[in-house]
Amino acid sequence: MAADPGKGTTRGRGAGETSKGGQAVKAKYGPEFFREIGRKGGQAIKDRGLDYLREIGRLGGEATKARHGSEHYAEIGRKGGQNGKGQPKPGAGRSRRPRP
């Protein structure tokens, strides 16, 4: 279903009904509401630490692997290898200097 830009989506709604989503919330609470949510979210991540981020990343990777299979990651690697042409980008990684 194609949605009219700026009108929200009509998925799961009757004909002519639309949802304004974040626009309605922004109009009701203002942009400061979103800033505060973002600040609280960022602070929560800092409070939980790096180990928490690693754990949720690992769990997300496992969920993706369960859903799409190992071939999904192999395909990503093949595409990356084709686009990169096997050559490192200039300035990427360590520079090679002759040893004294």
Protein backbone atom coordinates (compact mmCIF):
# COMPACT_ATOMS: atom_id res chain seq x y z
CA MET A 1 0.00 0.00 0.00
CA ALA A 2 1.39 3.37 -0.92
CA ALA A 3 0.94 6.14 1.61
CA ASP A 4 0.47 9.77 0.72
CA PRO A 5 3.59 11.65 1.90
CA GLY A 6 2.86 13.60 5.05
CA LYS A 7 -0.44 11.80 5.66
CA GLY A 8 0.78 8.80 7.66
CA THR A 9 0.00 5.22 6.77
CA THR A 10 -3.38 3.61 6.25
CA ARG A 11 -2.30 0.05 7.08
CA GLY A 12 -4.88 -1.56 9.34
CA ARG A 13 -7.28 1.38 9.08
CA GLY A 14 -10.51 1.96 7.23
CA ALA A 15 -10.79 4.01 4.07
CA GLY A 16 -10.03 7.66 4.66
CA GLU A 17 -8.57 7.13 8.15
CA THR A 18 -4.94 8.15 8.63
CA SER A 19 -2.50 8.33 11.51
CA LYS A 20 -0.32 11.36 12.12
CA GLY A 21 1.95 9.43 14.50
CA GLY A 22 4.85 11.52 15.70
CA GLN A 23 3.42 14.68 14.16
CA ALA A 24 0.43 14.60 16.51
CA VAL A 25 2.65 13.96 19.54
CA LYS A 26 5.02 16.76 18.49
CA ALA A 27 2.09 19.14 18.08
CA LYS A 28 0.71 18.16 21.50
CA TYR A 29 3.95 18.08 23.53
CA GLY A 30 6.43 20.10 21.46
CA PRO A 31 10.00 19.36 20.36
CA GLU A 32 11.31 19.50 23.96
CA PHE A 33 9.39 16.27 24.64
CA PHE A 34 11.47 14.42 22.02
CA ARG A 35 14.72 15.98 23.29
CA GLU A 36 13.96 14.78 26.81
CA ILE A 37 13.18 11.24 25.62
CA GLY A 38 16.43 11.18 23.66
CA ARG A 39 18.41 12.51 26.62
CA LYS A 40 16.95 9.88 28.95
CA GLY A 41 17.63 7.12 26.42
CA GLY A 42 21.23 8.22 25.96
CA GLN A 43 21.76 8.42 29.71
CA ALA A 44 20.29 4.94 30.20
CA ILE A 45 22.77 3.51 27.68
CA LYS A 46 25.68 5.26 29.44
CA ASP A 47 24.49 3.94 32.80
CA ARG A 48 24.28 0.36 31.57
CA GLY A 49 27.73 0.43 29.99
CA LEU A 50 29.58 -1.16 27.12
CA ASP A 51 28.94 -4.75 28.20
CA TYR A 52 25.20 -4.15 27.88
CA LEU A 53 25.63 -2.81 24.35
CA ARG A 54 27.73 -5.81 23.38
CA GLU A 55 25.13 -8.18 24.79
CA ILE A 56 22.19 -6.60 22.96
CA GLY A 57 24.23 -6.54 19.75
CA ARG A 58 25.05 -10.22 20.15
CA LEU A 59 21.40 -11.07 20.83
CA GLY A 60 20.31 -9.08 17.78
CA GLY A 61 22.85 -10.89 15.64
CA GLU A 62 21.62 -14.25 16.89
CA ALA A 63 18.02 -13.29 16.17
CA THR A 64 18.95 -12.21 12.64
CA LYS A 65 20.87 -15.43 12.08
CA ALA A 66 17.90 -17.48 13.33
CA ARG A 67 15.54 -15.60 11.03
CA HIS A 68 17.69 -15.43 7.88
CA GLY A 69 20.33 -18.13 8.35
CA SER A 70 24.11 -18.05 8.01
CA GLU A 71 23.82 -17.47 4.27
CA HIS A 72 22.52 -13.96 5.04
CA TYR A 73 25.87 -12.97 6.54
CA ALA A 74 27.80 -14.72 3.77
CA GLU A 75 25.86 -12.66 1.20
CA ILE A 76 26.67 -9.44 3.05
CA GLY A 77 30.35 -10.39 3.00
CA ARG A 78 30.28 -11.18 -0.73
CA LYS A 79 28.63 -7.87 -1.54
CA GLY A 80 31.14 -5.99 0.59
CA GLY A 81 34.01 -7.79 -1.08
CA GLN A 82 32.67 -6.99 -4.55
CA ASN A 83 32.13 -3.31 -3.79
CA GLY A 84 35.47 -2.85 -2.08
CA LYS A 85 37.37 -4.56 -4.92
CA GLY A 86 39.59 -6.06 -2.25
CA GLN A 87 41.59 -2.85 -1.88
CA PRO A 88 41.74 -0.86 1.36
CA LYS A 89 40.54 2.72 1.19
CA PRO A 90 43.24 5.40 1.26
CA GLY A 91 43.97 6.38 4.84
CA ALA A 92 42.19 3.35 6.31
CA GLY A 93 44.02 1.18 8.78
CA ARG A 94 47.65 1.38 9.72
CA SER A 95 50.22 2.99 7.53
CA ARG A 96 53.22 0.89 6.63
CA ARG A 97 56.47 2.52 7.53
CA PRO A 98 59.83 0.93 7.00
CA ARG A 99 61.41 -0.35 10.19
CA PRO A 100 64.62 1.37 11.29
